[in-house]
Amino acid sequence: MQILGTTAVVDVAGHDDVLATLAARYPQYVDHPPDGPLLRLTPERVVCWSAGDEA
């Protein structure tokens, strides 16, 4: 899968909900949350493909 879109650099300050979500998903962030900045991706297009046997 490939996700195409625009990104923005976001300061960590004031985004405690985002850091809590990251910590819930990735245990290493519980004790050591990222110092920042964060990247926010706004998807504009999603491309999916798979290798398959077409008969």
PDB file of N, CA and C in Angstrom:
ATOM      1  N   MET A   1       0.849  -1.160   0.000  1.00  0.00           N
ATOM      2  CA  MET A   1       0.000   0.000   0.000  1.00  0.00           C
ATOM      3  C   MET A   1       0.903   1.233   0.000  1.00  0.00           C
ATOM      4  N   GLN A   2       0.486   2.213  -0.738  1.00  0.00           N
ATOM      5  CA  GLN A   2       1.192   3.483  -0.790  1.00  0.00           C
ATOM      6  C   GLN A   2       0.175   4.580  -0.526  1.00  0.00           C
ATOM      7  N   ILE A   3       0.518   5.479   0.407  1.00  0.00           N
ATOM      8  CA  ILE A   3      -0.360   6.593   0.725  1.00  0.00           C
ATOM      9  C   ILE A   3       0.332   7.871   0.279  1.00  0.00           C
ATOM     10  N   LEU A   4      -0.328   8.599  -0.595  1.00  0.00           N
ATOM     11  CA  LEU A   4       0.203   9.851  -1.122  1.00  0.00           C
ATOM     12  C   LEU A   4      -0.597  11.007  -0.537  1.00  0.00           C
ATOM     13  N   GLY A   5       0.098  12.073  -0.202  1.00  0.00           N
ATOM     14  CA  GLY A   5      -0.606  13.222   0.350  1.00  0.00           C
ATOM     15  C   GLY A   5       0.366  14.311   0.722  1.00  0.00           C
ATOM     16  N   THR A   6      -0.118  15.236   1.494  1.00  0.00           N
ATOM     17  CA  THR A   6       0.725  16.332   1.951  1.00  0.00           C
ATOM     18  C   THR A   6       1.093  16.104   3.406  1.00  0.00           C
ATOM     19  N   THR A   7       2.287  16.558   3.768  1.00  0.00           N
ATOM     20  CA  THR A   7       2.737  16.434   5.146  1.00  0.00           C
ATOM     21  C   THR A   7       2.956  17.812   5.745  1.00  0.00           C
ATOM     22  N   ALA A   8       2.844  17.854   7.045  1.00  0.00           N
ATOM     23  CA  ALA A   8       3.107  19.084   7.786  1.00  0.00           C
ATOM     24  C   ALA A   8       3.939  18.723   9.004  1.00  0.00           C
ATOM     25  N   VAL A   9       4.838  19.609   9.361  1.00  0.00           N
ATOM     26  CA  VAL A   9       5.639  19.446  10.565  1.00  0.00           C
ATOM     27  C   VAL A   9       4.849  20.065  11.714  1.00  0.00           C
ATOM     28  N   VAL A  10       4.649  19.278  12.780  1.00  0.00           N
ATOM     29  CA  VAL A  10       3.824  19.710  13.905  1.00  0.00           C
ATOM     30  C   VAL A  10       4.657  19.645  15.180  1.00  0.00           C
ATOM     31  N   ASP A  11       4.620  20.692  15.978  1.00  0.00           N
ATOM     32  CA  ASP A  11       5.318  20.703  17.253  1.00  0.00           C
ATOM     33  C   ASP A  11       4.619  19.749  18.222  1.00  0.00           C
ATOM     34  N   VAL A  12       5.387  19.083  19.049  1.00  0.00           N
ATOM     35  CA  VAL A  12       4.841  18.116  20.002  1.00  0.00           C
ATOM     36  C   VAL A  12       3.972  18.806  21.060  1.00  0.00           C
ATOM     37  N   ALA A  13       4.340  20.007  21.456  1.00  0.00           N
ATOM     38  CA  ALA A  13       3.618  20.717  22.510  1.00  0.00           C
ATOM     39  C   ALA A  13       2.144  20.860  22.150  1.00  0.00           C
ATOM     40  N   GLY A  14       1.296  20.505  23.094  1.00  0.00           N
ATOM     41  CA  GLY A  14      -0.142  20.629  22.884  1.00  0.00           C
ATOM     42  C   GLY A  14      -0.780  19.457  22.173  1.00  0.00           C
ATOM     43  N   HIS A  15      -0.011  18.415  21.911  1.00  0.00           N
ATOM     44  CA  HIS A  15      -0.549  17.237  21.236  1.00  0.00           C
ATOM     45  C   HIS A  15      -0.417  15.998  22.110  1.00  0.00           C
ATOM     46  N   ASP A  16      -0.825  16.145  23.372  1.00  0.00           N
ATOM     47  CA  ASP A  16      -0.729  15.025  24.315  1.00  0.00           C
ATOM     48  C   ASP A  16      -1.557  13.831  23.866  1.00  0.00           C
ATOM     49  N   ASP A  17      -2.688  14.077  23.196  1.00  0.00           N
ATOM     50  CA  ASP A  17      -3.522  12.973  22.717  1.00  0.00           C
ATOM     51  C   ASP A  17      -2.799  12.146  21.664  1.00  0.00           C
ATOM     52  N   VAL A  18      -2.031  12.806  20.820  1.00  0.00           N
ATOM     53  CA  VAL A  18      -1.268  12.090  19.788  1.00  0.00           C
ATOM     54  C   VAL A  18      -0.172  11.252  20.441  1.00  0.00           C
ATOM     55  N   LEU A  19       0.522  11.838  21.415  1.00  0.00           N
ATOM     56  CA  LEU A  19       1.575  11.098  22.108  1.00  0.00           C
ATOM     57  C   LEU A  19       1.009   9.917  22.877  1.00  0.00           C
ATOM     58  N   ALA A  20      -0.178  10.064  23.461  1.00  0.00           N
ATOM     59  CA  ALA A  20      -0.820   8.958  24.178  1.00  0.00           C
ATOM     60  C   ALA A  20      -1.188   7.835  23.203  1.00  0.00           C
ATOM     61  N   THR A  21      -1.649   8.193  22.024  1.00  0.00           N
ATOM     62  CA  THR A  21      -1.980   7.187  21.011  1.00  0.00           C
ATOM     63  C   THR A  21      -0.730   6.446  20.553  1.00  0.00           C
ATOM     64  N   LEU A  22       0.361   7.179  20.344  1.00  0.00           N
ATOM     65  CA  LEU A  22       1.625   6.531  19.973  1.00  0.00           C
ATOM     66  C   LEU A  22       2.098   5.587  21.077  1.00  0.00           C
ATOM     67  N   ALA A  23       2.000   6.023  22.322  1.00  0.00           N
ATOM     68  CA  ALA A  23       2.435   5.187  23.447  1.00  0.00           C
ATOM     69  C   ALA A  23       1.577   3.930  23.568  1.00  0.00           C
ATOM     70  N   ALA A  24       0.294   4.033  23.252  1.00  0.00           N
ATOM     71  CA  ALA A  24      -0.580   2.858  23.304  1.00  0.00           C
ATOM     72  C   ALA A  24      -0.216   1.854  22.219  1.00  0.00           C
ATOM     73  N   ARG A  25       0.258   2.341  21.106  1.00  0.00           N
ATOM     74  CA  ARG A  25       0.601   1.480  19.975  1.00  0.00           C
ATOM     75  C   ARG A  25       2.038   0.962  20.054  1.00  0.00           C
ATOM     76  N   TYR A  26       2.960   1.786  20.522  1.00  0.00           N
ATOM     77  CA  TYR A  26       4.382   1.446  20.556  1.00  0.00           C
ATOM     78  C   TYR A  26       4.909   1.579  21.987  1.00  0.00           C
ATOM     79  N   PRO A  27       5.140   0.456  22.653  1.00  0.00           N
ATOM     80  CA  PRO A  27       5.521   0.477  24.075  1.00  0.00           C
ATOM     81  C   PRO A  27       6.763   1.309  24.391  1.00  0.00           C
ATOM     82  N   GLN A  28       7.690   1.436  23.452  1.00  0.00           N
ATOM     83  CA  GLN A  28       8.907   2.207  23.736  1.00  0.00           C
ATOM     84  C   GLN A  28       8.609   3.689  23.983  1.00  0.00           C
ATOM     85  N   TYR A  29       7.450   4.166  23.533  1.00  0.00           N
ATOM     86  CA  TYR A  29       7.100   5.573  23.731  1.00  0.00           C
ATOM     87  C   TYR A  29       6.476   5.847  25.094  1.00  0.00           C
ATOM     88  N   VAL A  30       6.165   4.806  25.867  1.00  0.00           N
ATOM     89  CA  VAL A  30       5.596   5.018  27.198  1.00  0.00           C
ATOM     90  C   VAL A  30       6.606   5.748  28.078  1.00  0.00           C
ATOM     91  N   ASP A  31       7.837   5.246  28.122  1.00  0.00           N
ATOM     92  CA  ASP A  31       8.875   5.858  28.953  1.00  0.00           C
ATOM     93  C   ASP A  31       9.661   6.942  28.220  1.00  0.00           C
ATOM     94  N   HIS A  32       9.685   6.877  26.899  1.00  0.00           N
ATOM     95  CA  HIS A  32      10.479   7.815  26.107  1.00  0.00           C
ATOM     96  C   HIS A  32       9.662   8.350  24.926  1.00  0.00           C
ATOM     97  N   PRO A  33       8.728   9.257  25.194  1.00  0.00           N
ATOM     98  CA  PRO A  33       7.954   9.819  24.078  1.00  0.00           C
ATOM     99  C   PRO A  33       8.849  10.635  23.160  1.00  0.00           C
ATOM    100  N   PRO A  34       8.499  10.756  21.897  1.00  0.00           N
ATOM    101  CA  PRO A  34       9.327  11.531  20.973  1.00  0.00           C
ATOM    102  C   PRO A  34       9.410  12.995  21.409  1.00  0.00           C
ATOM    103  N   ASP A  35      10.589  13.561  21.235  1.00  0.00           N
ATOM    104  CA  ASP A  35      10.797  14.968  21.576  1.00  0.00           C
ATOM    105  C   ASP A  35      10.188  15.894  20.534  1.00  0.00           C
ATOM    106  N   GLY A  36       9.994  15.371  19.356  1.00  0.00           N
ATOM    107  CA  GLY A  36       9.386  16.152  18.300  1.00  0.00           C
ATOM    108  C   GLY A  36      10.415  16.629  17.305  1.00  0.00           C
ATOM    109  N   PRO A  37       9.998  17.229  16.277  1.00  0.00           N
ATOM    110  CA  PRO A  37       8.603  17.458  15.908  1.00  0.00           C
ATOM    111  C   PRO A  37       7.952  16.187  15.357  1.00  0.00           C
ATOM    112  N   LEU A  38       6.652  16.265  15.153  1.00  0.00           N
ATOM    113  CA  LEU A  38       5.886  15.170  14.556  1.00  0.00           C
ATOM    114  C   LEU A  38       5.573  15.518  13.104  1.00  0.00           C
ATOM    115  N   LEU A  39       5.312  14.500  12.310  1.00  0.00           N
ATOM    116  CA  LEU A  39       4.859  14.705  10.936  1.00  0.00           C
ATOM    117  C   LEU A  39       3.403  14.288  10.833  1.00  0.00           C
ATOM    118  N   ARG A  40       2.585  15.135  10.250  1.00  0.00           N
ATOM    119  CA  ARG A  40       1.171  14.810  10.033  1.00  0.00           C
ATOM    120  C   ARG A  40       0.964  14.626   8.534  1.00  0.00           C
ATOM    121  N   LEU A  41       0.446  13.462   8.167  1.00  0.00           N
ATOM    122  CA  LEU A  41       0.152  13.155   6.766  1.00  0.00           C
ATOM    123  C   LEU A  41      -1.340  13.307   6.535  1.00  0.00           C
ATOM    124  N   THR A  42      -1.690  14.106   5.549  1.00  0.00           N
ATOM    125  CA  THR A  42      -3.081  14.227   5.124  1.00  0.00           C
ATOM    126  C   THR A  42      -3.211  13.451   3.822  1.00  0.00           C
ATOM    127  N   PRO A  43      -3.811  12.248   3.880  1.00  0.00           N
ATOM    128  CA  PRO A  43      -3.890  11.410   2.681  1.00  0.00           C
ATOM    129  C   PRO A  43      -4.747  12.058   1.593  1.00  0.00           C
ATOM    130  N   GLU A  44      -4.246  11.956   0.365  1.00  0.00           N
ATOM    131  CA  GLU A  44      -4.988  12.438  -0.792  1.00  0.00           C
ATOM    132  C   GLU A  44      -5.279  11.305  -1.776  1.00  0.00           C
ATOM    133  N   ARG A  45      -4.456  10.267  -1.696  1.00  0.00           N
ATOM    134  CA  ARG A  45      -4.637   9.127  -2.602  1.00  0.00           C
ATOM    135  C   ARG A  45      -4.005   7.895  -1.968  1.00  0.00           C
ATOM    136  N   VAL A  46      -4.703   6.775  -2.043  1.00  0.00           N
ATOM    137  CA  VAL A  46      -4.189   5.503  -1.538  1.00  0.00           C
ATOM    138  C   VAL A  46      -4.133   4.531  -2.703  1.00  0.00           C
ATOM    139  N   VAL A  47      -2.971   3.925  -2.883  1.00  0.00           N
ATOM    140  CA  VAL A  47      -2.773   2.982  -3.978  1.00  0.00           C
ATOM    141  C   VAL A  47      -2.491   1.613  -3.375  1.00  0.00           C
ATOM    142  N   CYS A  48      -3.250   0.617  -3.785  1.00  0.00           N
ATOM    143  CA  CYS A  48      -3.056  -0.753  -3.312  1.00  0.00           C
ATOM    144  C   CYS A  48      -2.751  -1.646  -4.502  1.00  0.00           C
ATOM    145  N   TRP A  49      -1.915  -2.616  -4.285  1.00  0.00           N
ATOM    146  CA  TRP A  49      -1.599  -3.568  -5.338  1.00  0.00           C
ATOM    147  C   TRP A  49      -1.224  -4.867  -4.676  1.00  0.00           C
ATOM    148  N   SER A  50      -1.225  -5.909  -5.469  1.00  0.00           N
ATOM    149  CA  SER A  50      -0.783  -7.210  -4.971  1.00  0.00           C
ATOM    150  C   SER A  50      -0.271  -8.025  -6.156  1.00  0.00           C
ATOM    151  N   ALA A  51       0.633  -8.918  -5.841  1.00  0.00           N
ATOM    152  CA  ALA A  51       1.112  -9.847  -6.849  1.00  0.00           C
ATOM    153  C   ALA A  51       0.110 -10.983  -6.920  1.00  0.00           C
ATOM    154  N   GLY A  52      -0.291 -11.319  -8.071  1.00  0.00           N
ATOM    155  CA  GLY A  52      -1.266 -12.385  -8.219  1.00  0.00           C
ATOM    156  C   GLY A  52      -1.069 -13.143  -9.504  1.00  0.00           C
ATOM    157  N   ASP A  53      -1.663 -14.290  -9.537  1.00  0.00           N
ATOM    158  CA  ASP A  53      -1.575 -15.136 -10.725  1.00  0.00           C
ATOM    159  C   ASP A  53      -2.867 -14.952 -11.505  1.00  0.00           C
ATOM    160  N   GLU A  54      -2.766 -14.288 -12.643  1.00  0.00           N
ATOM    161  CA  GLU A  54      -3.951 -14.110 -13.487  1.00  0.00           C
ATOM    162  C   GLU A  54      -3.990 -15.209 -14.509  1.00  0.00           C
ATOM    163  N   ALA A  55      -5.019 -16.014 -14.425  1.00  0.00           N
ATOM    164  CA  ALA A  55      -5.145 -17.151 -15.336  1.00  0.00           C
ATOM    165  C   ALA A  55      -6.077 -16.831 -16.472  1.00  0.00           C
TER     166      ALA A  55
END
